[in-house]
All heavy atoms as atom14 arrays in JSON, in Angstrom:
{
  "sequence": "PGNSGGPLVNSRGEVIGVNTAIILPAQGICFAIAINSAKLVAGHL",
  "atom14_mask": [
    [1, 1, 1, 1, 1, 1, 1, 0, 0, 0, 0, 0, 0, 0],
    [1, 1, 1, 1, 0, 0, 0, 0, 0, 0, 0, 0, 0, 0],
    [1, 1, 1, 1, 1, 1, 1, 1, 0, 0, 0, 0, 0, 0],
    [1, 1, 1, 1, 1, 1, 0, 0, 0, 0, 0, 0, 0, 0],
    [1, 1, 1, 1, 0, 0, 0, 0, 0, 0, 0, 0, 0, 0],
    [1, 1, 1, 1, 0, 0, 0, 0, 0, 0, 0, 0, 0, 0],
    [1, 1, 1, 1, 1, 1, 1, 0, 0, 0, 0, 0, 0, 0],
    [1, 1, 1, 1, 1, 1, 1, 1, 0, 0, 0, 0, 0, 0],
    [1, 1, 1, 1, 1, 1, 1, 0, 0, 0, 0, 0, 0, 0],
    [1, 1, 1, 1, 1, 1, 1, 1, 0, 0, 0, 0, 0, 0],
    [1, 1, 1, 1, 1, 1, 0, 0, 0, 0, 0, 0, 0, 0],
    [1, 1, 1, 1, 1, 1, 1, 1, 1, 1, 1, 0, 0, 0],
    [1, 1, 1, 1, 0, 0, 0, 0, 0, 0, 0, 0, 0, 0],
    [1, 1, 1, 1, 1, 1, 1, 1, 1, 0, 0, 0, 0, 0],
    [1, 1, 1, 1, 1, 1, 1, 0, 0, 0, 0, 0, 0, 0],
    [1, 1, 1, 1, 1, 1, 1, 1, 0, 0, 0, 0, 0, 0],
    [1, 1, 1, 1, 0, 0, 0, 0, 0, 0, 0, 0, 0, 0],
    [1, 1, 1, 1, 1, 1, 1, 0, 0, 0, 0, 0, 0, 0],
    [1, 1, 1, 1, 1, 1, 1, 1, 0, 0, 0, 0, 0, 0],
    [1, 1, 1, 1, 1, 1, 1, 0, 0, 0, 0, 0, 0, 0],
    [1, 1, 1, 1, 1, 0, 0, 0, 0, 0, 0, 0, 0, 0],
    [1, 1, 1, 1, 1, 1, 1, 1, 0, 0, 0, 0, 0, 0],
    [1, 1, 1, 1, 1, 1, 1, 1, 0, 0, 0, 0, 0, 0],
    [1, 1, 1, 1, 1, 1, 1, 1, 0, 0, 0, 0, 0, 0],
    [1, 1, 1, 1, 1, 1, 1, 0, 0, 0, 0, 0, 0, 0],
    [1, 1, 1, 1, 1, 0, 0, 0, 0, 0, 0, 0, 0, 0],
    [1, 1, 1, 1, 1, 1, 1, 1, 1, 0, 0, 0, 0, 0],
    [1, 1, 1, 1, 0, 0, 0, 0, 0, 0, 0, 0, 0, 0],
    [1, 1, 1, 1, 1, 1, 1, 1, 0, 0, 0, 0, 0, 0],
    [1, 1, 1, 1, 1, 1, 0, 0, 0, 0, 0, 0, 0, 0],
    [1, 1, 1, 1, 1, 1, 1, 1, 1, 1, 1, 0, 0, 0],
    [1, 1, 1, 1, 1, 0, 0, 0, 0, 0, 0, 0, 0, 0],
    [1, 1, 1, 1, 1, 1, 1, 1, 0, 0, 0, 0, 0, 0],
    [1, 1, 1, 1, 1, 0, 0, 0, 0, 0, 0, 0, 0, 0],
    [1, 1, 1, 1, 1, 1, 1, 1, 0, 0, 0, 0, 0, 0],
    [1, 1, 1, 1, 1, 1, 1, 1, 0, 0, 0, 0, 0, 0],
    [1, 1, 1, 1, 1, 1, 0, 0, 0, 0, 0, 0, 0, 0],
    [1, 1, 1, 1, 1, 0, 0, 0, 0, 0, 0, 0, 0, 0],
    [1, 1, 1, 1, 1, 1, 1, 1, 1, 0, 0, 0, 0, 0],
    [1, 1, 1, 1, 1, 1, 1, 1, 0, 0, 0, 0, 0, 0],
    [1, 1, 1, 1, 1, 1, 1, 0, 0, 0, 0, 0, 0, 0],
    [1, 1, 1, 1, 1, 0, 0, 0, 0, 0, 0, 0, 0, 0],
    [1, 1, 1, 1, 0, 0, 0, 0, 0, 0, 0, 0, 0, 0],
    [1, 1, 1, 1, 1, 1, 1, 1, 1, 1, 0, 0, 0, 0],
    [1, 1, 1, 1, 1, 1, 1, 1, 0, 0, 0, 0, 0, 0]
  ],
  "atom14_positions": [
    [[-15.21, -7.9, 9.1], [-14.25, -8.98, 9.39], [-14.8, -10.33, 8.94], [-15.97, -10.65, 9.16], [-14.12, -8.92, 10.92], [-14.45, -7.5, 11.27], [-15.51, -7.09, 10.3], [0.0, 0.0, 0.0], [0.0, 0.0, 0.0], [0.0, 0.0, 0.0], [0.0, 0.0, 0.0], [0.0, 0.0, 0.0], [0.0, 0.0, 0.0], [0.0, 0.0, 0.0]],
    [[-13.96, -11.12, 8.28], [-14.38, -12.42, 7.8], [-14.98, -12.4, 6.4], [-15.35, -13.44, 5.87], [0.0, 0.0, 0.0], [0.0, 0.0, 0.0], [0.0, 0.0, 0.0], [0.0, 0.0, 0.0], [0.0, 0.0, 0.0], [0.0, 0.0, 0.0], [0.0, 0.0, 0.0], [0.0, 0.0, 0.0], [0.0, 0.0, 0.0], [0.0, 0.0, 0.0]],
    [[-15.09, -11.2, 5.79], [-15.68, -11.09, 4.46], [-14.65, -11.13, 3.34], [-15.0, -11.06, 2.17], [-16.49, -9.81, 4.34], [-17.85, -9.92, 5.0], [-18.16, -10.94, 5.62], [-18.65, -8.88, 4.88], [0.0, 0.0, 0.0], [0.0, 0.0, 0.0], [0.0, 0.0, 0.0], [0.0, 0.0, 0.0], [0.0, 0.0, 0.0], [0.0, 0.0, 0.0]],
    [[-13.35, -11.22, 3.68], [-12.32, -11.32, 2.65], [-12.58, -12.55, 1.78], [-12.84, -13.64, 2.29], [-10.93, -11.45, 3.29], [-10.55, -10.23, 3.88], [0.0, 0.0, 0.0], [0.0, 0.0, 0.0], [0.0, 0.0, 0.0], [0.0, 0.0, 0.0], [0.0, 0.0, 0.0], [0.0, 0.0, 0.0], [0.0, 0.0, 0.0], [0.0, 0.0, 0.0]],
    [[-12.49, -12.36, 0.49], [-12.73, -13.46, -0.45], [-14.15, -13.52, -0.97], [-14.45, -14.27, -1.9], [0.0, 0.0, 0.0], [0.0, 0.0, 0.0], [0.0, 0.0, 0.0], [0.0, 0.0, 0.0], [0.0, 0.0, 0.0], [0.0, 0.0, 0.0], [0.0, 0.0, 0.0], [0.0, 0.0, 0.0], [0.0, 0.0, 0.0], [0.0, 0.0, 0.0]],
    [[-15.05, -12.73, -0.38], [-16.42, -12.7, -0.85], [-16.56, -11.85, -2.1], [-15.64, -11.13, -2.5], [0.0, 0.0, 0.0], [0.0, 0.0, 0.0], [0.0, 0.0, 0.0], [0.0, 0.0, 0.0], [0.0, 0.0, 0.0], [0.0, 0.0, 0.0], [0.0, 0.0, 0.0], [0.0, 0.0, 0.0], [0.0, 0.0, 0.0], [0.0, 0.0, 0.0]],
    [[-17.73, -11.9, -2.75], [-17.9, -11.16, -4.0], [-18.32, -9.71, -3.8], [-19.06, -9.38, -2.87], [-19.02, -11.95, -4.69], [-19.87, -12.46, -3.56], [-18.89, -12.76, -2.44], [0.0, 0.0, 0.0], [0.0, 0.0, 0.0], [0.0, 0.0, 0.0], [0.0, 0.0, 0.0], [0.0, 0.0, 0.0], [0.0, 0.0, 0.0], [0.0, 0.0, 0.0]],
    [[-17.85, -8.86, -4.69], [-18.39, -7.51, -4.87], [-19.25, -7.56, -6.12], [-18.76, -7.95, -7.18], [-17.25, -6.5, -5.03], [-17.68, -5.02, -5.13], [-18.14, -4.51, -3.77], [-16.52, -4.17, -5.66], [0.0, 0.0, 0.0], [0.0, 0.0, 0.0], [0.0, 0.0, 0.0], [0.0, 0.0, 0.0], [0.0, 0.0, 0.0], [0.0, 0.0, 0.0]],
    [[-20.51, -7.22, -6.0], [-21.44, -7.4, -7.12], [-22.07, -6.08, -7.53], [-22.11, -5.12, -6.76], [-22.54, -8.44, -6.79], [-21.91, -9.75, -6.34], [-23.47, -7.92, -5.7], [0.0, 0.0, 0.0], [0.0, 0.0, 0.0], [0.0, 0.0, 0.0], [0.0, 0.0, 0.0], [0.0, 0.0, 0.0], [0.0, 0.0, 0.0], [0.0, 0.0, 0.0]],
    [[-22.61, -6.06, -8.76], [-23.34, -4.88, -9.23], [-24.83, -5.06, -8.99], [-25.26, -6.04, -8.38], [-23.02, -4.61, -10.71], [-23.4, -5.78, -11.61], [-24.23, -6.64, -11.26], [-22.82, -5.82, -12.79], [0.0, 0.0, 0.0], [0.0, 0.0, 0.0], [0.0, 0.0, 0.0], [0.0, 0.0, 0.0], [0.0, 0.0, 0.0], [0.0, 0.0, 0.0]],
    [[-25.62, -4.12, -9.46], [-27.06, -4.15, -9.18], [-27.75, -5.31, -9.88], [-28.87, -5.67, -9.5], [-27.7, -2.83, -9.62], [-27.47, -2.59, -11.0], [0.0, 0.0, 0.0], [0.0, 0.0, 0.0], [0.0, 0.0, 0.0], [0.0, 0.0, 0.0], [0.0, 0.0, 0.0], [0.0, 0.0, 0.0], [0.0, 0.0, 0.0], [0.0, 0.0, 0.0]],
    [[-27.1, -5.92, -10.88], [-27.69, -7.07, -11.58], [-27.3, -8.4, -10.93], [-27.66, -9.46, -11.43], [-27.25, -7.07, -13.05], [-27.75, -5.87, -13.83], [-27.45, -6.01, -15.32], [-26.02, -6.06, -15.58], [-25.27, -4.98, -15.76], [-25.81, -3.77, -15.67], [-23.98, -5.08, -16.0], [0.0, 0.0, 0.0], [0.0, 0.0, 0.0], [0.0, 0.0, 0.0]],
    [[-26.54, -8.33, -9.84], [-26.12, -9.55, -9.17], [-24.95, -10.23, -9.85], [-24.69, -11.42, -9.6], [0.0, 0.0, 0.0], [0.0, 0.0, 0.0], [0.0, 0.0, 0.0], [0.0, 0.0, 0.0], [0.0, 0.0, 0.0], [0.0, 0.0, 0.0], [0.0, 0.0, 0.0], [0.0, 0.0, 0.0], [0.0, 0.0, 0.0], [0.0, 0.0, 0.0]],
    [[-24.21, -9.51, -10.68], [-23.02, -10.05, -11.34], [-21.78, -9.68, -10.53], [-21.66, -8.54, -10.07], [-22.87, -9.5, -12.76], [-24.04, -9.82, -13.67], [-24.01, -9.01, -14.95], [-23.39, -7.92, -14.96], [-24.6, -9.48, -15.94], [0.0, 0.0, 0.0], [0.0, 0.0, 0.0], [0.0, 0.0, 0.0], [0.0, 0.0, 0.0], [0.0, 0.0, 0.0]],
    [[-20.87, -10.62, -10.38], [-19.65, -10.36, -9.61], [-18.71, -9.47, -10.42], [-18.37, -9.8, -11.56], [-18.94, -11.67, -9.23], [-17.67, -11.37, -8.43], [-19.86, -12.56, -8.42], [0.0, 0.0, 0.0], [0.0, 0.0, 0.0], [0.0, 0.0, 0.0], [0.0, 0.0, 0.0], [0.0, 0.0, 0.0], [0.0, 0.0, 0.0], [0.0, 0.0, 0.0]],
    [[-18.32, -8.34, -9.84], [-17.39, -7.44, -10.52], [-16.03, -7.39, -9.83], [-15.09, -6.8, -10.35], [-17.97, -6.02, -10.63], [-18.33, -5.47, -9.24], [-19.18, -6.0, -11.55], [-18.8, -4.01, -9.25], [0.0, 0.0, 0.0], [0.0, 0.0, 0.0], [0.0, 0.0, 0.0], [0.0, 0.0, 0.0], [0.0, 0.0, 0.0], [0.0, 0.0, 0.0]],
    [[-15.93, -8.01, -8.64], [-14.66, -8.0, -7.94], [-14.64, -9.0, -6.8], [-15.68, -9.53, -6.39], [0.0, 0.0, 0.0], [0.0, 0.0, 0.0], [0.0, 0.0, 0.0], [0.0, 0.0, 0.0], [0.0, 0.0, 0.0], [0.0, 0.0, 0.0], [0.0, 0.0, 0.0], [0.0, 0.0, 0.0], [0.0, 0.0, 0.0], [0.0, 0.0, 0.0]],
    [[-13.44, -9.28, -6.31], [-13.23, -10.17, -5.16], [-12.74, -9.31, -4.0], [-11.65, -8.75, -4.06], [-12.2, -11.28, -5.48], [-12.08, -12.23, -4.29], [-12.6, -12.04, -6.73], [0.0, 0.0, 0.0], [0.0, 0.0, 0.0], [0.0, 0.0, 0.0], [0.0, 0.0, 0.0], [0.0, 0.0, 0.0], [0.0, 0.0, 0.0], [0.0, 0.0, 0.0]],
    [[-13.55, -9.19, -2.95], [-13.19, -8.35, -1.8], [-11.9, -8.88, -1.18], [-11.79, -10.06, -0.87], [-14.31, -8.35, -0.77], [-15.6, -7.79, -1.32], [-15.59, -6.82, -2.07], [-16.71, -8.4, -0.96], [0.0, 0.0, 0.0], [0.0, 0.0, 0.0], [0.0, 0.0, 0.0], [0.0, 0.0, 0.0], [0.0, 0.0, 0.0], [0.0, 0.0, 0.0]],
    [[-10.94, -7.98, -0.98], [-9.65, -8.48, -0.52], [-9.06, -7.75, 0.67], [-8.29, -8.32, 1.41], [-8.63, -8.46, -1.67], [-7.45, -9.14, -1.27], [-8.28, -7.04, -2.09], [0.0, 0.0, 0.0], [0.0, 0.0, 0.0], [0.0, 0.0, 0.0], [0.0, 0.0, 0.0], [0.0, 0.0, 0.0], [0.0, 0.0, 0.0], [0.0, 0.0, 0.0]],
    [[-9.38, -6.47, 0.9], [-8.67, -5.76, 1.96], [-9.42, -4.53, 2.4], [-10.23, -3.97, 1.66], [-7.27, -5.35, 1.49], [0.0, 0.0, 0.0], [0.0, 0.0, 0.0], [0.0, 0.0, 0.0], [0.0, 0.0, 0.0], [0.0, 0.0, 0.0], [0.0, 0.0, 0.0], [0.0, 0.0, 0.0], [0.0, 0.0, 0.0], [0.0, 0.0, 0.0]],
    [[-9.12, -4.11, 3.62], [-9.62, -2.85, 4.17], [-8.45, -2.13, 4.82], [-7.6, -2.76, 5.44], [-10.75, -3.1, 5.18], [-11.27, -1.77, 5.76], [-10.29, -3.99, 6.33], [-12.53, -1.91, 6.59], [0.0, 0.0, 0.0], [0.0, 0.0, 0.0], [0.0, 0.0, 0.0], [0.0, 0.0, 0.0], [0.0, 0.0, 0.0], [0.0, 0.0, 0.0]],
    [[-8.38, -0.83, 4.64], [-7.35, -0.03, 5.31], [-7.93, 0.44, 6.62], [-8.82, 1.3, 6.67], [-6.92, 1.17, 4.44], [-6.28, 0.67, 3.14], [-5.94, 2.06, 5.2], [-5.83, 1.77, 2.22], [0.0, 0.0, 0.0], [0.0, 0.0, 0.0], [0.0, 0.0, 0.0], [0.0, 0.0, 0.0], [0.0, 0.0, 0.0], [0.0, 0.0, 0.0]],
    [[-7.46, -0.11, 7.73], [-8.07, 0.13, 9.03], [-8.04, 1.6, 9.47], [-9.02, 2.1, 9.99], [-7.42, -0.77, 10.09], [-7.67, -2.27, 9.89], [-6.9, -3.06, 10.94], [-9.16, -2.6, 9.97], [0.0, 0.0, 0.0], [0.0, 0.0, 0.0], [0.0, 0.0, 0.0], [0.0, 0.0, 0.0], [0.0, 0.0, 0.0], [0.0, 0.0, 0.0]],
    [[-6.92, 2.33, 9.3], [-6.93, 3.72, 9.77], [-7.87, 4.62, 8.96], [-8.28, 5.66, 9.42], [-5.47, 4.17, 9.58], [-4.69, 2.91, 9.45], [-5.61, 1.94, 8.8], [0.0, 0.0, 0.0], [0.0, 0.0, 0.0], [0.0, 0.0, 0.0], [0.0, 0.0, 0.0], [0.0, 0.0, 0.0], [0.0, 0.0, 0.0], [0.0, 0.0, 0.0]],
    [[-8.17, 4.21, 7.72], [-9.04, 5.02, 6.85], [-10.42, 4.38, 6.8], [-10.62, 3.37, 6.15], [-8.43, 5.1, 5.45], [0.0, 0.0, 0.0], [0.0, 0.0, 0.0], [0.0, 0.0, 0.0], [0.0, 0.0, 0.0], [0.0, 0.0, 0.0], [0.0, 0.0, 0.0], [0.0, 0.0, 0.0], [0.0, 0.0, 0.0], [0.0, 0.0, 0.0]],
    [[-11.36, 4.96, 7.52], [-12.67, 4.36, 7.64], [-13.36, 4.27, 6.28], [-13.41, 5.25, 5.54], [-13.53, 5.17, 8.61], [-13.01, 5.18, 10.03], [-13.0, 3.79, 10.65], [-13.92, 3.02, 10.44], [-11.96, 3.47, 11.38], [0.0, 0.0, 0.0], [0.0, 0.0, 0.0], [0.0, 0.0, 0.0], [0.0, 0.0, 0.0], [0.0, 0.0, 0.0]],
    [[-13.9, 3.11, 5.98], [-14.75, 2.96, 4.81], [-14.02, 2.83, 3.48], [-14.65, 2.96, 2.44], [0.0, 0.0, 0.0], [0.0, 0.0, 0.0], [0.0, 0.0, 0.0], [0.0, 0.0, 0.0], [0.0, 0.0, 0.0], [0.0, 0.0, 0.0], [0.0, 0.0, 0.0], [0.0, 0.0, 0.0], [0.0, 0.0, 0.0], [0.0, 0.0, 0.0]],
    [[-12.7, 2.62, 3.49], [-11.98, 2.43, 2.23], [-11.67, 0.95, 2.08], [-10.89, 0.4, 2.85], [-10.69, 3.26, 2.18], [-11.02, 4.76, 2.28], [-9.93, 2.99, 0.89], [-9.8, 5.65, 2.24], [0.0, 0.0, 0.0], [0.0, 0.0, 0.0], [0.0, 0.0, 0.0], [0.0, 0.0, 0.0], [0.0, 0.0, 0.0], [0.0, 0.0, 0.0]],
    [[-12.29, 0.32, 1.11], [-12.1, -1.11, 0.89], [-11.69, -1.36, -0.55], [-11.91, -0.52, -1.43], [-13.4, -1.86, 1.2], [-14.01, -1.55, 2.87], [0.0, 0.0, 0.0], [0.0, 0.0, 0.0], [0.0, 0.0, 0.0], [0.0, 0.0, 0.0], [0.0, 0.0, 0.0], [0.0, 0.0, 0.0], [0.0, 0.0, 0.0], [0.0, 0.0, 0.0]],
    [[-11.1, -2.52, -0.79], [-10.56, -2.83, -2.11], [-11.03, -4.22, -2.57], [-11.26, -5.11, -1.76], [-9.03, -2.78, -2.09], [-8.48, -1.43, -1.79], [-8.14, -1.07, -0.5], [-8.33, -0.49, -2.79], [-7.65, 0.19, -0.2], [-7.84, 0.78, -2.51], [-7.5, 1.12, -1.22], [0.0, 0.0, 0.0], [0.0, 0.0, 0.0], [0.0, 0.0, 0.0]],
    [[-11.15, -4.34, -3.88], [-11.54, -5.61, -4.49], [-10.74, -5.82, -5.76], [-10.46, -4.87, -6.5], [-13.04, -5.62, -4.8], [0.0, 0.0, 0.0], [0.0, 0.0, 0.0], [0.0, 0.0, 0.0], [0.0, 0.0, 0.0], [0.0, 0.0, 0.0], [0.0, 0.0, 0.0], [0.0, 0.0, 0.0], [0.0, 0.0, 0.0], [0.0, 0.0, 0.0]],
    [[-10.35, -7.06, -6.01], [-9.63, -7.42, -7.23], [-10.64, -7.52, -8.36], [-11.66, -8.19, -8.24], [-8.89, -8.75, -7.05], [-7.9, -8.64, -5.89], [-8.17, -9.15, -8.33], [-7.45, -9.98, -5.36], [0.0, 0.0, 0.0], [0.0, 0.0, 0.0], [0.0, 0.0, 0.0], [0.0, 0.0, 0.0], [0.0, 0.0, 0.0], [0.0, 0.0, 0.0]],
    [[-10.37, -6.84, -9.46], [-11.29, -6.83, -10.6], [-11.57, -8.25, -11.08], [-10.66, -9.09, -11.16], [-10.72, -5.99, -11.73], [0.0, 0.0, 0.0], [0.0, 0.0, 0.0], [0.0, 0.0, 0.0], [0.0, 0.0, 0.0], [0.0, 0.0, 0.0], [0.0, 0.0, 0.0], [0.0, 0.0, 0.0], [0.0, 0.0, 0.0], [0.0, 0.0, 0.0]],
    [[-12.82, -8.54, -11.41], [-13.22, -9.9, -11.74], [-12.57, -10.39, -13.03], [-12.33, -11.59, -13.18], [-14.77, -10.02, -11.82], [-15.19, -11.5, -11.8], [-15.29, -9.31, -13.06], [-14.78, -12.26, -10.57], [0.0, 0.0, 0.0], [0.0, 0.0, 0.0], [0.0, 0.0, 0.0], [0.0, 0.0, 0.0], [0.0, 0.0, 0.0], [0.0, 0.0, 0.0]],
    [[-12.25, -9.49, -13.98], [-11.57, -9.95, -15.2], [-10.2, -10.53, -14.87], [-9.79, -11.55, -15.44], [-11.44, -8.81, -16.21], [-12.76, -8.48, -16.88], [-13.81, -8.97, -16.46], [-12.72, -7.66, -17.9], [0.0, 0.0, 0.0], [0.0, 0.0, 0.0], [0.0, 0.0, 0.0], [0.0, 0.0, 0.0], [0.0, 0.0, 0.0], [0.0, 0.0, 0.0]],
    [[-9.5, -9.9, -13.94], [-8.21, -10.44, -13.49], [-8.43, -11.76, -12.76], [-7.67, -12.71, -12.93], [-7.5, -9.44, -12.58], [-7.21, -8.24, -13.26], [0.0, 0.0, 0.0], [0.0, 0.0, 0.0], [0.0, 0.0, 0.0], [0.0, 0.0, 0.0], [0.0, 0.0, 0.0], [0.0, 0.0, 0.0], [0.0, 0.0, 0.0], [0.0, 0.0, 0.0]],
    [[-9.48, -11.83, -11.93], [-9.76, -13.05, -11.18], [-10.12, -14.21, -12.11], [-9.71, -15.35, -11.87], [-10.9, -12.8, -10.19], [0.0, 0.0, 0.0], [0.0, 0.0, 0.0], [0.0, 0.0, 0.0], [0.0, 0.0, 0.0], [0.0, 0.0, 0.0], [0.0, 0.0, 0.0], [0.0, 0.0, 0.0], [0.0, 0.0, 0.0], [0.0, 0.0, 0.0]],
    [[-10.87, -13.94, -13.17], [-11.23, -15.0, -14.12], [-9.98, -15.56, -14.8], [-9.85, -16.77, -14.98], [-12.21, -14.46, -15.17], [-13.62, -14.27, -14.66], [-14.6, -13.94, -15.77], [-14.5, -12.53, -16.22], [-15.62, -12.14, -17.13], [0.0, 0.0, 0.0], [0.0, 0.0, 0.0], [0.0, 0.0, 0.0], [0.0, 0.0, 0.0], [0.0, 0.0, 0.0]],
    [[-9.07, -14.66, -15.15], [-7.83, -15.09, -15.8], [-7.0, -15.96, -14.87], [-6.54, -17.06, -15.24], [-7.04, -13.87, -16.24], [-5.67, -14.11, -16.87], [-5.81, -14.84, -18.2], [-4.93, -12.79, -17.07], [0.0, 0.0, 0.0], [0.0, 0.0, 0.0], [0.0, 0.0, 0.0], [0.0, 0.0, 0.0], [0.0, 0.0, 0.0], [0.0, 0.0, 0.0]],
    [[-6.82, -15.51, -13.63], [-6.02, -16.25, -12.66], [-6.68, -17.58, -12.31], [-6.04, -18.63, -12.27], [-5.79, -15.41, -11.39], [-5.16, -16.25, -10.28], [-4.9, -14.21, -11.71], [0.0, 0.0, 0.0], [0.0, 0.0, 0.0], [0.0, 0.0, 0.0], [0.0, 0.0, 0.0], [0.0, 0.0, 0.0], [0.0, 0.0, 0.0], [0.0, 0.0, 0.0]],
    [[-7.99, -17.54, -12.05], [-8.71, -18.77, -11.68], [-8.64, -19.81, -12.79], [-8.51, -21.01, -12.52], [-10.16, -18.44, -11.35], [0.0, 0.0, 0.0], [0.0, 0.0, 0.0], [0.0, 0.0, 0.0], [0.0, 0.0, 0.0], [0.0, 0.0, 0.0], [0.0, 0.0, 0.0], [0.0, 0.0, 0.0], [0.0, 0.0, 0.0], [0.0, 0.0, 0.0]],
    [[-8.71, -19.38, -14.04], [-8.61, -20.32, -15.15], [-7.29, -21.06, -15.15], [-7.25, -22.28, -15.36], [0.0, 0.0, 0.0], [0.0, 0.0, 0.0], [0.0, 0.0, 0.0], [0.0, 0.0, 0.0], [0.0, 0.0, 0.0], [0.0, 0.0, 0.0], [0.0, 0.0, 0.0], [0.0, 0.0, 0.0], [0.0, 0.0, 0.0], [0.0, 0.0, 0.0]],
    [[-6.2, -20.33, -14.92], [-4.88, -20.98, -14.86], [-4.77, -21.9, -13.64], [-4.18, -22.98, -13.73], [-3.78, -19.92, -14.82], [-3.5, -19.27, -16.14], [-2.91, -19.93, -17.19], [-3.75, -18.01, -16.58], [-2.79, -19.11, -18.23], [-3.3, -17.94, -17.89], [0.0, 0.0, 0.0], [0.0, 0.0, 0.0], [0.0, 0.0, 0.0], [0.0, 0.0, 0.0]],
    [[-5.31, -21.46, -12.5], [-5.23, -22.29, -11.31], [-6.01, -23.59, -11.48], [-5.56, -24.66, -11.06], [-5.75, -21.52, -10.09], [-4.91, -20.31, -9.65], [-5.58, -19.62, -8.47], [-3.49, -20.72, -9.3], [0.0, 0.0, 0.0], [0.0, 0.0, 0.0], [0.0, 0.0, 0.0], [0.0, 0.0, 0.0], [0.0, 0.0, 0.0], [0.0, 0.0, 0.0]]
  ]
}
């Protein structure tokens, strides 16, 4: 809880996604927006 919007990173410390949601009834299933999509959107914003 409270981690929405944080980075999902690889072993090199590079951001590969933006943590966005968890499905509560399904334990351990989380989702992140791919960083390529985030870079595109952030550039326009």
